[in-house]
C-alpha atoms as a PDB file:
ATOM      1  CA  MET A   1       0.048 -10.540  70.076  1.00  0.00           C
ATOM      2  CA  LEU A   2      -3.558 -11.033  69.147  1.00  0.00           C
ATOM      3  CA  ASN A   3      -6.149 -10.749  71.883  1.00  0.00           C
ATOM      4  CA  PHE A   4      -9.151 -12.865  70.896  1.00  0.00           C
ATOM      5  CA  GLU A   5     -11.238 -11.454  73.724  1.00  0.00           C
ATOM      6  CA  ASP A   6     -11.543  -8.125  71.885  1.00  0.00           C
ATOM      7  CA  LYS A   7     -13.334  -7.552  68.625  1.00  0.00           C
ATOM      8  CA  VAL A   8     -10.745  -6.915  65.916  1.00  0.00           C
ATOM      9  CA  ILE A   9     -12.907  -7.198  62.798  1.00  0.00           C
ATOM     10  CA  PRO A  10     -16.282  -5.398  63.209  1.00  0.00           C
ATOM     11  CA  LEU A  11     -17.996  -7.538  60.580  1.00  0.00           C
ATOM     12  CA  ASP A  12     -21.390  -7.212  62.259  1.00  0.00           C
ATOM     13  CA  ILE A  13     -21.212  -3.422  61.992  1.00  0.00           C
ATOM     14  CA  TRP A  14     -20.199  -3.603  58.334  1.00  0.00           C
ATOM     15  CA  ILE A  15     -23.104  -5.927  57.532  1.00  0.00           C
ATOM     16  CA  SER A  16     -25.569  -3.650  59.343  1.00  0.00           C
ATOM     17  CA  GLN A  17     -24.260  -0.639  57.453  1.00  0.00           C
ATOM     18  CA  PHE A  18     -24.521  -2.524  54.165  1.00  0.00           C
ATOM     19  CA  ILE A  19     -28.156  -3.491  54.833  1.00  0.00           C
ATOM     20  CA  ASP A  20     -28.967   0.099  55.822  1.00  0.00           C
ATOM     21  CA  TRP A  21     -27.389   1.287  52.571  1.00  0.00           C
ATOM     22  CA  LEU A  22     -29.503  -1.177  50.579  1.00  0.00           C
ATOM     23  CA  VAL A  23     -32.690  -0.133  52.349  1.00  0.00           C
ATOM     24  CA  GLU A  24     -32.059   3.579  51.851  1.00  0.00           C
ATOM     25  CA  GLY A  25     -30.867   3.479  48.257  1.00  0.00           C
ATOM     26  CA  TYR A  26     -32.574   0.477  46.658  1.00  0.00           C
ATOM     27  CA  ARG A  27     -35.938   0.044  48.352  1.00  0.00           C
ATOM     28  CA  TRP A  28     -37.596   0.526  44.952  1.00  0.00           C
ATOM     29  CA  PHE A  29     -35.727  -2.511  43.609  1.00  0.00           C
ATOM     30  CA  PHE A  30     -36.860  -4.724  46.469  1.00  0.00           C
ATOM     31  CA  GLN A  31     -40.422  -3.524  46.016  1.00  0.00           C
ATOM     32  CA  ILE A  32     -40.195  -4.697  42.383  1.00  0.00           C
ATOM     33  CA  ILE A  33     -39.049  -8.120  43.618  1.00  0.00           C
ATOM     34  CA  LYS A  34     -41.847  -8.167  46.187  1.00  0.00           C
ATOM     35  CA  TRP A  35     -44.636  -7.260  43.754  1.00  0.00           C
ATOM     36  CA  PRO A  36     -45.016 -10.559  41.790  1.00  0.00           C
ATOM     37  CA  VAL A  37     -44.746 -12.576  45.009  1.00  0.00           C
ATOM     38  CA  GLU A  38     -47.433 -10.443  46.637  1.00  0.00           C
ATOM     39  CA  ILE A  39     -49.749 -10.738  43.630  1.00  0.00           C
ATOM     40  CA  THR A  40     -49.319 -14.524  43.461  1.00  0.00           C
ATOM     41  CA  LEU A  41     -49.766 -15.022  47.196  1.00  0.00           C
ATOM     42  CA  THR A  42     -52.833 -12.763  47.391  1.00  0.00           C
ATOM     43  CA  GLY A  43     -54.492 -14.507  44.451  1.00  0.00           C
ATOM     44  CA  LEU A  44     -53.864 -18.007  45.809  1.00  0.00           C
ATOM     45  CA  GLU A  45     -54.889 -17.074  49.343  1.00  0.00           C
ATOM     46  CA  ASN A  46     -58.113 -15.367  48.269  1.00  0.00           C
ATOM     47  CA  GLY A  47     -58.941 -18.266  45.976  1.00  0.00           C
ATOM     48  CA  LEU A  48     -58.371 -20.947  48.613  1.00  0.00           C
ATOM     49  CA  HIS A  49     -60.396 -19.023  51.201  1.00  0.00           C
ATOM     50  CA  TRP A  50     -63.203 -18.421  48.683  1.00  0.00           C
ATOM     51  CA  VAL A  51     -63.643 -22.062  47.651  1.00  0.00           C
ATOM     52  CA  HIS A  52     -65.866 -24.113  49.943  1.00  0.00           C
ATOM     53  CA  PRO A  53     -63.848 -26.456  52.203  1.00  0.00           C
ATOM     54  CA  PHE A  54     -65.680 -29.568  51.008  1.00  0.00           C
ATOM     55  CA  LEU A  55     -64.774 -28.792  47.391  1.00  0.00           C
ATOM     56  CA  ILE A  56     -61.091 -28.545  48.346  1.00  0.00           C
ATOM     57  CA  ILE A  57     -61.316 -31.810  50.308  1.00  0.00           C
ATOM     58  CA  ILE A  58     -62.922 -33.578  47.347  1.00  0.00           C
ATOM     59  CA  LEU A  59     -60.376 -32.128  44.912  1.00  0.00           C
ATOM     60  CA  VAL A  60     -57.403 -33.184  47.052  1.00  0.00           C
ATOM     61  CA  ALA A  61     -58.900 -36.646  47.515  1.00  0.00           C
ATOM     62  CA  ILE A  62     -59.403 -37.034  43.756  1.00  0.00           C
ATOM     63  CA  ILE A  63     -55.819 -35.956  43.042  1.00  0.00           C
ATOM     64  CA  ALA A  64     -54.506 -38.354  45.707  1.00  0.00           C
ATOM     65  CA  TRP A  65     -56.630 -41.178  44.269  1.00  0.00           C
ATOM     66  CA  ARG A  66     -55.482 -40.536  40.710  1.00  0.00           C
ATOM     67  CA  VAL A  67     -51.757 -40.366  41.486  1.00  0.00           C
ATOM     68  CA  SER A  68     -51.493 -42.886  44.333  1.00  0.00           C
ATOM     69  CA  GLY A  69     -54.643 -44.830  45.082  1.00  0.00           C
ATOM     70  CA  LEU A  70     -57.656 -45.135  47.318  1.00  0.00           C
ATOM     71  CA  LYS A  71     -55.726 -45.354  50.609  1.00  0.00           C
ATOM     72  CA  LEU A  72     -54.079 -41.963  50.180  1.00  0.00           C
ATOM     73  CA  ALA A  73     -57.369 -40.451  48.992  1.00  0.00           C
ATOM     74  CA  ILE A  74     -59.174 -41.623  52.154  1.00  0.00           C
ATOM     75  CA  PHE A  75     -56.282 -40.513  54.363  1.00  0.00           C
ATOM     76  CA  SER A  76     -56.208 -37.074  52.725  1.00  0.00           C
ATOM     77  CA  ALA A  77     -59.952 -36.578  53.105  1.00  0.00           C
ATOM     78  CA  ILE A  78     -59.961 -37.662  56.771  1.00  0.00           C
ATOM     79  CA  THR A  79     -56.924 -35.499  57.510  1.00  0.00           C
ATOM     80  CA  LEU A  80     -58.434 -32.365  55.994  1.00  0.00           C
ATOM     81  CA  VAL A  81     -61.728 -32.932  57.788  1.00  0.00           C
ATOM     82  CA  LEU A  82     -59.807 -33.322  61.059  1.00  0.00           C
ATOM     83  CA  ILE A  83     -57.937 -30.066  60.464  1.00  0.00           C
ATOM     84  CA  GLY A  84     -61.251 -28.324  59.804  1.00  0.00           C
ATOM     85  CA  LEU A  85     -62.761 -29.732  62.994  1.00  0.00           C
ATOM     86  CA  LEU A  86     -59.761 -28.446  64.946  1.00  0.00           C
ATOM     87  CA  GLY A  87     -60.693 -24.934  63.805  1.00  0.00           C
ATOM     88  CA  LEU A  88     -57.529 -24.461  61.755  1.00  0.00           C
ATOM     89  CA  TRP A  89     -58.985 -24.478  58.239  1.00  0.00           C
ATOM     90  CA  PRO A  90     -58.331 -20.750  57.494  1.00  0.00           C
ATOM     91  CA  ASP A  91     -54.762 -21.067  58.797  1.00  0.00           C
ATOM     92  CA  THR A  92     -54.277 -24.183  56.662  1.00  0.00           C
ATOM     93  CA  MET A  93     -55.418 -22.392  53.515  1.00  0.00           C
ATOM     94  CA  THR A  94     -53.039 -19.513  54.267  1.00  0.00           C
ATOM     95  CA  THR A  95     -50.216 -22.012  54.753  1.00  0.00           C
ATOM     96  CA  LEU A  96     -51.033 -23.759  51.473  1.00  0.00           C
ATOM     97  CA  ALA A  97     -51.077 -20.413  49.662  1.00  0.00           C
ATOM     98  CA  MET A  98     -47.658 -19.553  51.117  1.00  0.00           C
ATOM     99  CA  VAL A  99     -46.227 -22.974  50.247  1.00  0.00           C
ATOM    100  CA  PHE A 100     -47.650 -22.966  46.708  1.00  0.00           C
ATOM    101  CA  SER A 101     -46.402 -19.416  46.095  1.00  0.00           C
ATOM    102  CA  SER A 102     -42.927 -20.363  47.307  1.00  0.00           C
ATOM    103  CA  VAL A 103     -42.864 -23.536  45.216  1.00  0.00           C
ATOM    104  CA  ILE A 104     -43.998 -21.685  42.076  1.00  0.00           C
ATOM    105  CA  PHE A 105     -41.109 -19.227  42.279  1.00  0.00           C
ATOM    106  CA  CYS A 106     -38.633 -21.911  43.372  1.00  0.00           C
ATOM    107  CA  THR A 107     -39.638 -23.933  40.292  1.00  0.00           C
ATOM    108  CA  LEU A 108     -39.441 -20.970  37.919  1.00  0.00           C
ATOM    109  CA  VAL A 109     -35.967 -20.077  39.188  1.00  0.00           C
ATOM    110  CA  GLY A 110     -34.608 -23.429  40.325  1.00  0.00           C
ATOM    111  CA  ILE A 111     -35.233 -25.670  37.315  1.00  0.00           C
ATOM    112  CA  PRO A 112     -33.546 -23.341  34.745  1.00  0.00           C
ATOM    113  CA  LEU A 113     -30.589 -22.823  37.103  1.00  0.00           C
ATOM    114  CA  GLY A 114     -30.397 -26.577  37.685  1.00  0.00           C
ATOM    115  CA  ILE A 115     -30.420 -27.264  33.950  1.00  0.00           C
ATOM    116  CA  LEU A 116     -27.631 -24.741  33.395  1.00  0.00           C
ATOM    117  CA  ALA A 117     -25.632 -26.258  36.268  1.00  0.00           C
ATOM    118  CA  GLY A 118     -26.209 -29.750  34.882  1.00  0.00           C
ATOM    119  CA  ARG A 119     -24.905 -28.799  31.453  1.00  0.00           C
ATOM    120  CA  SER A 120     -22.031 -26.521  32.488  1.00  0.00           C
ATOM    121  CA  ASP A 121     -19.285 -27.526  34.919  1.00  0.00           C
ATOM    122  CA  ARG A 122     -18.123 -23.921  35.218  1.00  0.00           C
ATOM    123  CA  PHE A 123     -21.576 -22.607  36.121  1.00  0.00           C
ATOM    124  CA  GLU A 124     -22.042 -25.470  38.575  1.00  0.00           C
ATOM    125  CA  SER A 125     -18.761 -24.673  40.313  1.00  0.00           C
ATOM    126  CA  ILE A 126     -19.830 -21.024  40.674  1.00  0.00           C
ATOM    127  CA  LEU A 127     -23.302 -21.927  41.924  1.00  0.00           C
ATOM    128  CA  ARG A 128     -22.258 -24.617  44.411  1.00  0.00           C
ATOM    129  CA  PRO A 129     -20.832 -22.287  47.121  1.00  0.00           C
ATOM    130  CA  CYS A 130     -23.991 -20.164  46.984  1.00  0.00           C
ATOM    131  CA  LEU A 131     -26.185 -23.240  47.449  1.00  0.00           C
ATOM    132  CA  ASP A 132     -23.958 -24.474  50.273  1.00  0.00           C
ATOM    133  CA  ALA A 133     -24.331 -21.137  52.041  1.00  0.00           C
ATOM    134  CA  MET A 134     -28.116 -21.107  51.528  1.00  0.00           C
ATOM    135  CA  GLN A 135     -28.485 -24.620  52.952  1.00  0.00           C
ATOM    136  CA  THR A 136     -26.123 -24.290  55.914  1.00  0.00           C
ATOM    137  CA  THR A 137     -27.149 -20.812  57.064  1.00  0.00           C
ATOM    138  CA  PRO A 138     -29.649 -21.161  59.943  1.00  0.00           C
ATOM    139  CA  ALA A 139     -33.165 -20.241  58.870  1.00  0.00           C
ATOM    140  CA  PHE A 140     -33.456 -17.588  61.580  1.00  0.00           C
ATOM    141  CA  VAL A 141     -30.557 -15.668  60.025  1.00  0.00           C
ATOM    142  CA  TYR A 142     -32.672 -14.944  56.931  1.00  0.00           C
ATOM    143  CA  LEU A 143     -35.332 -13.171  58.948  1.00  0.00           C
ATOM    144  CA  VAL A 144     -33.533  -9.962  59.939  1.00  0.00           C
ATOM    145  CA  PRO A 145     -32.494  -8.821  56.435  1.00  0.00           C
ATOM    146  CA  ILE A 146     -35.835 -10.001  55.022  1.00  0.00           C
ATOM    147  CA  VAL A 147     -37.725  -7.851  57.537  1.00  0.00           C
ATOM    148  CA  MET A 148     -35.507  -4.834  56.855  1.00  0.00           C
ATOM    149  CA  LEU A 149     -35.787  -5.156  53.084  1.00  0.00           C
ATOM    150  CA  PHE A 150     -39.404  -6.313  52.730  1.00  0.00           C
ATOM    151  CA  SER A 151     -41.119  -5.440  56.035  1.00  0.00           C
ATOM    152  CA  VAL A 152     -43.164  -8.084  57.903  1.00  0.00           C
ATOM    153  CA  GLY A 153     -46.145 -10.233  56.976  1.00  0.00           C
ATOM    154  CA  ASN A 154     -47.002 -13.132  54.708  1.00  0.00           C
ATOM    155  CA  VAL A 155     -45.063 -11.806  51.707  1.00  0.00           C
ATOM    156  CA  ALA A 156     -41.882 -11.475  53.742  1.00  0.00           C
ATOM    157  CA  GLY A 157     -42.459 -15.018  55.008  1.00  0.00           C
ATOM    158  CA  VAL A 158     -42.813 -16.301  51.445  1.00  0.00           C
ATOM    159  CA  LEU A 159     -39.607 -14.549  50.347  1.00  0.00           C
ATOM    160  CA  ALA A 160     -37.698 -16.084  53.266  1.00  0.00           C
ATOM    161  CA  THR A 161     -39.216 -19.467  52.394  1.00  0.00           C
ATOM    162  CA  ILE A 162     -38.133 -19.139  48.748  1.00  0.00           C
ATOM    163  CA  ILE A 163     -34.512 -18.554  49.771  1.00  0.00           C
ATOM    164  CA  PHE A 164     -34.629 -21.424  52.255  1.00  0.00           C
ATOM    165  CA  SER A 165     -36.337 -23.895  49.890  1.00  0.00           C
ATOM    166  CA  LEU A 166     -34.576 -23.139  46.607  1.00  0.00           C
ATOM    167  CA  PRO A 167     -31.358 -25.251  46.857  1.00  0.00           C
ATOM    168  CA  PRO A 168     -32.882 -28.781  46.676  1.00  0.00           C
ATOM    169  CA  ILE A 169     -34.653 -28.262  43.362  1.00  0.00           C
ATOM    170  CA  ILE A 170     -31.520 -26.707  41.822  1.00  0.00           C
ATOM    171  CA  ARG A 171     -29.236 -29.488  43.068  1.00  0.00           C
ATOM    172  CA  LEU A 172     -31.507 -32.365  42.085  1.00  0.00           C
ATOM    173  CA  THR A 173     -32.332 -30.880  38.680  1.00  0.00           C
ATOM    174  CA  SER A 174     -28.601 -30.579  38.015  1.00  0.00           C
ATOM    175  CA  LEU A 175     -28.060 -34.132  39.252  1.00  0.00           C
ATOM    176  CA  GLY A 176     -30.851 -35.475  37.060  1.00  0.00           C
ATOM    177  CA  ILE A 177     -29.420 -33.806  33.948  1.00  0.00           C
ATOM    178  CA  ARG A 178     -25.928 -35.126  34.723  1.00  0.00           C
ATOM    179  CA  GLN A 179     -27.215 -38.659  35.284  1.00  0.00           C
ATOM    180  CA  VAL A 180     -28.499 -38.917  31.718  1.00  0.00           C
ATOM    181  CA  HIS A 181     -26.121 -41.286  29.953  1.00  0.00           C
ATOM    182  CA  PRO A 182     -23.752 -39.379  27.626  1.00  0.00           C
ATOM    183  CA  GLU A 183     -24.251 -41.967  24.877  1.00  0.00           C
ATOM    184  CA  LEU A 184     -27.941 -41.085  24.685  1.00  0.00           C
ATOM    185  CA  VAL A 185     -27.056 -37.425  24.221  1.00  0.00           C
ATOM    186  CA  GLU A 186     -24.436 -38.282  21.614  1.00  0.00           C
ATOM    187  CA  ALA A 187     -26.917 -40.483  19.742  1.00  0.00           C
ATOM    188  CA  ALA A 188     -29.477 -37.679  19.650  1.00  0.00           C
ATOM    189  CA  LEU A 189     -26.875 -35.222  18.371  1.00  0.00           C
ATOM    190  CA  ALA A 190     -25.742 -37.746  15.770  1.00  0.00           C
ATOM    191  CA  PHE A 191     -29.288 -37.951  14.416  1.00  0.00           C
ATOM    192  CA  GLY A 192     -29.295 -34.187  13.908  1.00  0.00           C
ATOM    193  CA  ALA A 193     -31.019 -32.986  17.066  1.00  0.00           C
ATOM    194  CA  THR A 194     -30.232 -29.477  18.271  1.00  0.00           C
ATOM    195  CA  ASN A 195     -29.124 -28.765  21.847  1.00  0.00           C
ATOM    196  CA  TRP A 196     -32.619 -27.534  22.656  1.00  0.00           C
ATOM    197  CA  GLN A 197     -34.176 -30.724  21.229  1.00  0.00           C
ATOM    198  CA  VAL A 198     -31.722 -32.877  23.190  1.00  0.00           C
ATOM    199  CA  LEU A 199     -32.669 -31.034  26.366  1.00  0.00           C
ATOM    200  CA  ARG A 200     -36.425 -31.150  25.756  1.00  0.00           C
ATOM    201  CA  LYS A 201     -36.770 -34.678  24.356  1.00  0.00           C
ATOM    202  CA  VAL A 202     -33.920 -36.591  25.981  1.00  0.00           C
ATOM    203  CA  GLN A 203     -32.448 -35.017  29.109  1.00  0.00           C
ATOM    204  CA  ILE A 204     -35.532 -33.549  30.807  1.00  0.00           C
ATOM    205  CA  PRO A 205     -37.749 -36.663  30.310  1.00  0.00           C
ATOM    206  CA  LEU A 206     -35.028 -38.957  31.659  1.00  0.00           C
ATOM    207  CA  ALA A 207     -34.256 -36.601  34.561  1.00  0.00           C
ATOM    208  CA  LEU A 208     -37.901 -35.960  35.417  1.00  0.00           C
ATOM    209  CA  GLN A 209     -38.067 -38.350  38.377  1.00  0.00           C
ATOM    210  CA  THR A 210     -35.036 -36.699  39.978  1.00  0.00           C
ATOM    211  CA  ILE A 211     -36.488 -33.247  39.284  1.00  0.00           C
ATOM    212  CA  MET A 212     -39.742 -34.324  40.955  1.00  0.00           C
ATOM    213  CA  ALA A 213     -37.707 -35.499  43.962  1.00  0.00           C
ATOM    214  CA  GLY A 214     -36.224 -32.000  44.115  1.00  0.00           C
ATOM    215  CA  LEU A 215     -39.720 -30.509  43.961  1.00  0.00           C
ATOM    216  CA  ASN A 216     -40.773 -32.809  46.777  1.00  0.00           C
ATOM    217  CA  GLN A 217     -37.876 -31.684  48.959  1.00  0.00           C
ATOM    218  CA  THR A 218     -38.606 -28.042  48.165  1.00  0.00           C
ATOM    219  CA  ILE A 219     -42.210 -28.484  49.325  1.00  0.00           C
ATOM    220  CA  MET A 220     -41.092 -30.166  52.541  1.00  0.00           C
ATOM    221  CA  MET A 221     -38.588 -27.405  53.298  1.00  0.00           C
ATOM    222  CA  ALA A 222     -41.211 -24.764  52.562  1.00  0.00           C
ATOM    223  CA  LEU A 223     -43.542 -26.370  55.088  1.00  0.00           C
ATOM    224  CA  SER A 224     -40.757 -26.555  57.650  1.00  0.00           C
ATOM    225  CA  MET A 225     -40.235 -22.809  57.235  1.00  0.00           C
ATOM    226  CA  VAL A 226     -43.871 -22.037  58.116  1.00  0.00           C
ATOM    227  CA  VAL A 227     -43.285 -21.895  61.873  1.00  0.00           C
ATOM    228  CA  ILE A 228     -40.153 -19.773  61.517  1.00  0.00           C
ATOM    229  CA  ALA A 229     -41.886 -17.365  59.113  1.00  0.00           C
ATOM    230  CA  ALA A 230     -44.588 -16.822  61.747  1.00  0.00           C
ATOM    231  CA  LEU A 231     -41.954 -15.050  63.838  1.00  0.00           C
ATOM    232  CA  ILE A 232     -41.953 -12.178  61.317  1.00  0.00           C
ATOM    233  CA  GLY A 233     -45.711 -11.815  61.175  1.00  0.00           C
ATOM    234  CA  ALA A 234     -46.590 -14.480  58.622  1.00  0.00           C
ATOM    235  CA  GLY A 235     -49.908 -16.196  59.200  1.00  0.00           C
ATOM    236  CA  GLY A 236     -50.865 -19.792  58.623  1.00  0.00           C
ATOM    237  CA  LEU A 237     -50.330 -22.828  60.801  1.00  0.00           C
ATOM    238  CA  GLY A 238     -47.122 -21.384  62.205  1.00  0.00           C
ATOM    239  CA  ALA A 239     -49.098 -18.674  64.028  1.00  0.00           C
ATOM    240  CA  PRO A 240     -50.800 -20.990  66.574  1.00  0.00           C
ATOM    241  CA  VAL A 241     -47.491 -22.765  67.172  1.00  0.00           C
ATOM    242  CA  VAL A 242     -45.679 -19.496  67.932  1.00  0.00           C
ATOM    243  CA  LEU A 243     -48.620 -18.196  69.984  1.00  0.00           C
ATOM    244  CA  GLY A 244     -48.710 -21.435  71.942  1.00  0.00           C
ATOM    245  CA  LEU A 245     -44.976 -21.167  72.545  1.00  0.00           C
ATOM    246  CA  ASN A 246     -45.216 -17.574  73.741  1.00  0.00           C
ATOM    247  CA  THR A 247     -48.160 -18.277  76.071  1.00  0.00           C
ATOM    248  CA  LEU A 248     -47.018 -21.767  77.102  1.00  0.00           C
ATOM    249  CA  ASP A 249     -50.257 -23.158  75.667  1.00  0.00           C
ATOM    250  CA  ILE A 250     -49.118 -26.690  74.833  1.00  0.00           C
ATOM    251  CA  GLY A 251     -52.499 -27.651  73.396  1.00  0.00           C
ATOM    252  CA  LEU A 252     -52.564 -24.826  70.847  1.00  0.00           C
ATOM    253  CA  ALA A 253     -48.962 -25.448  69.823  1.00  0.00           C
ATOM    254  CA  THR A 254     -49.644 -29.176  69.477  1.00  0.00           C
ATOM    255  CA  ILE A 255     -52.654 -28.899  67.180  1.00  0.00           C
ATOM    256  CA  GLY A 256     -50.786 -26.371  65.031  1.00  0.00           C
ATOM    257  CA  GLY A 257     -47.759 -28.644  64.776  1.00  0.00           C
ATOM    258  CA  LEU A 258     -49.935 -31.702  64.149  1.00  0.00           C
ATOM    259  CA  SER A 259     -51.712 -29.939  61.282  1.00  0.00           C
ATOM    260  CA  ILE A 260     -48.375 -29.028  59.693  1.00  0.00           C
ATOM    261  CA  VAL A 261     -47.219 -32.652  59.957  1.00  0.00           C
ATOM    262  CA  LEU A 262     -50.440 -33.978  58.413  1.00  0.00           C
ATOM    263  CA  MET A 263     -50.263 -31.474  55.537  1.00  0.00           C
ATOM    264  CA  ALA A 264     -46.621 -32.444  54.973  1.00  0.00           C
ATOM    265  CA  ILE A 265     -47.563 -36.127  54.761  1.00  0.00           C
ATOM    266  CA  ILE A 266     -50.291 -35.453  52.195  1.00  0.00           C
ATOM    267  CA  LEU A 267     -48.105 -33.259  49.984  1.00  0.00           C
ATOM    268  CA  ASP A 268     -45.136 -35.612  50.330  1.00  0.00           C
ATOM    269  CA  ARG A 269     -47.103 -38.706  49.299  1.00  0.00           C
ATOM    270  CA  ILE A 270     -48.794 -36.937  46.382  1.00  0.00           C
ATOM    271  CA  THR A 271     -45.568 -35.511  44.943  1.00  0.00           C
ATOM    272  CA  GLN A 272     -43.708 -38.797  45.444  1.00  0.00           C
ATOM    273  CA  SER A 273     -46.446 -40.673  43.624  1.00  0.00           C
ATOM    274  CA  MET A 274     -46.415 -38.109  40.812  1.00  0.00           C
ATOM    275  CA  GLY A 275     -42.663 -38.650  40.418  1.00  0.00           C
ATOM    276  CA  LYS A 276     -43.111 -42.436  40.237  1.00  0.00           C
ATOM    277  CA  SER A 277     -45.932 -42.150  37.714  1.00  0.00           C
ATOM    278  CA  LYS A 278     -43.774 -39.889  35.516  1.00  0.00           C
ATOM    279  CA  LYS A 279     -41.050 -42.551  35.531  1.00  0.00           C
ATOM    280  CA  GLU A 280     -43.497 -45.234  34.451  1.00  0.00           C
END
């Protein structure tokens, strides 16, 4: 008779041994994966810290005005000035660099995978369980293997964020491609278009709003990962939140959390407006 009070299957030991085997035998492979992320993050972070804050505020306000209107432009400018006055401007730039780096790699990987999943039922059925696992696994679970494989710091935080934020853009890209009416595809093929031309001139333009919604969700999930990534040594706005939590400094944790919320609102409104403008 089974005794469920005793461990029968030592799965935790097997997983630990597997990770140790990967670290010992394939560290070079994970360093190759880490290299482009590190280069991208370093370049973005140095660039954002180098540019004068007022230039960034003006640029963000202009983008918000062009894609949404004057109200969002004013809100964005006031919000960024407030963050600067709170003394969190360097942390904000680090956070933006981490988010942008994550979104770049999520887009480069997620959109092609989403297109393949949207055009192939077999590939979609293979990919779906992986996406389900990535979305349902608690974010903290990613941190231990990420630290063991890639050490600690901002790059490790970005890699964890990429894994956490990748599913929405894949799912919504696939959904957008599948929502294109089959008769439009058939008409394009009937007029002699190749599969590549159908994809580029019919499916992607019609699915663009849904793809932009996926990009929006990816950005939001990347921002939500900022605090968790701070637990493995990542900087940015998550650092004051974690420090405030560890020292019971409610004020420090609050201004860090408030800055994350304000940045999320700005990025959310801008990307939503970009998606609507693409539809029009």
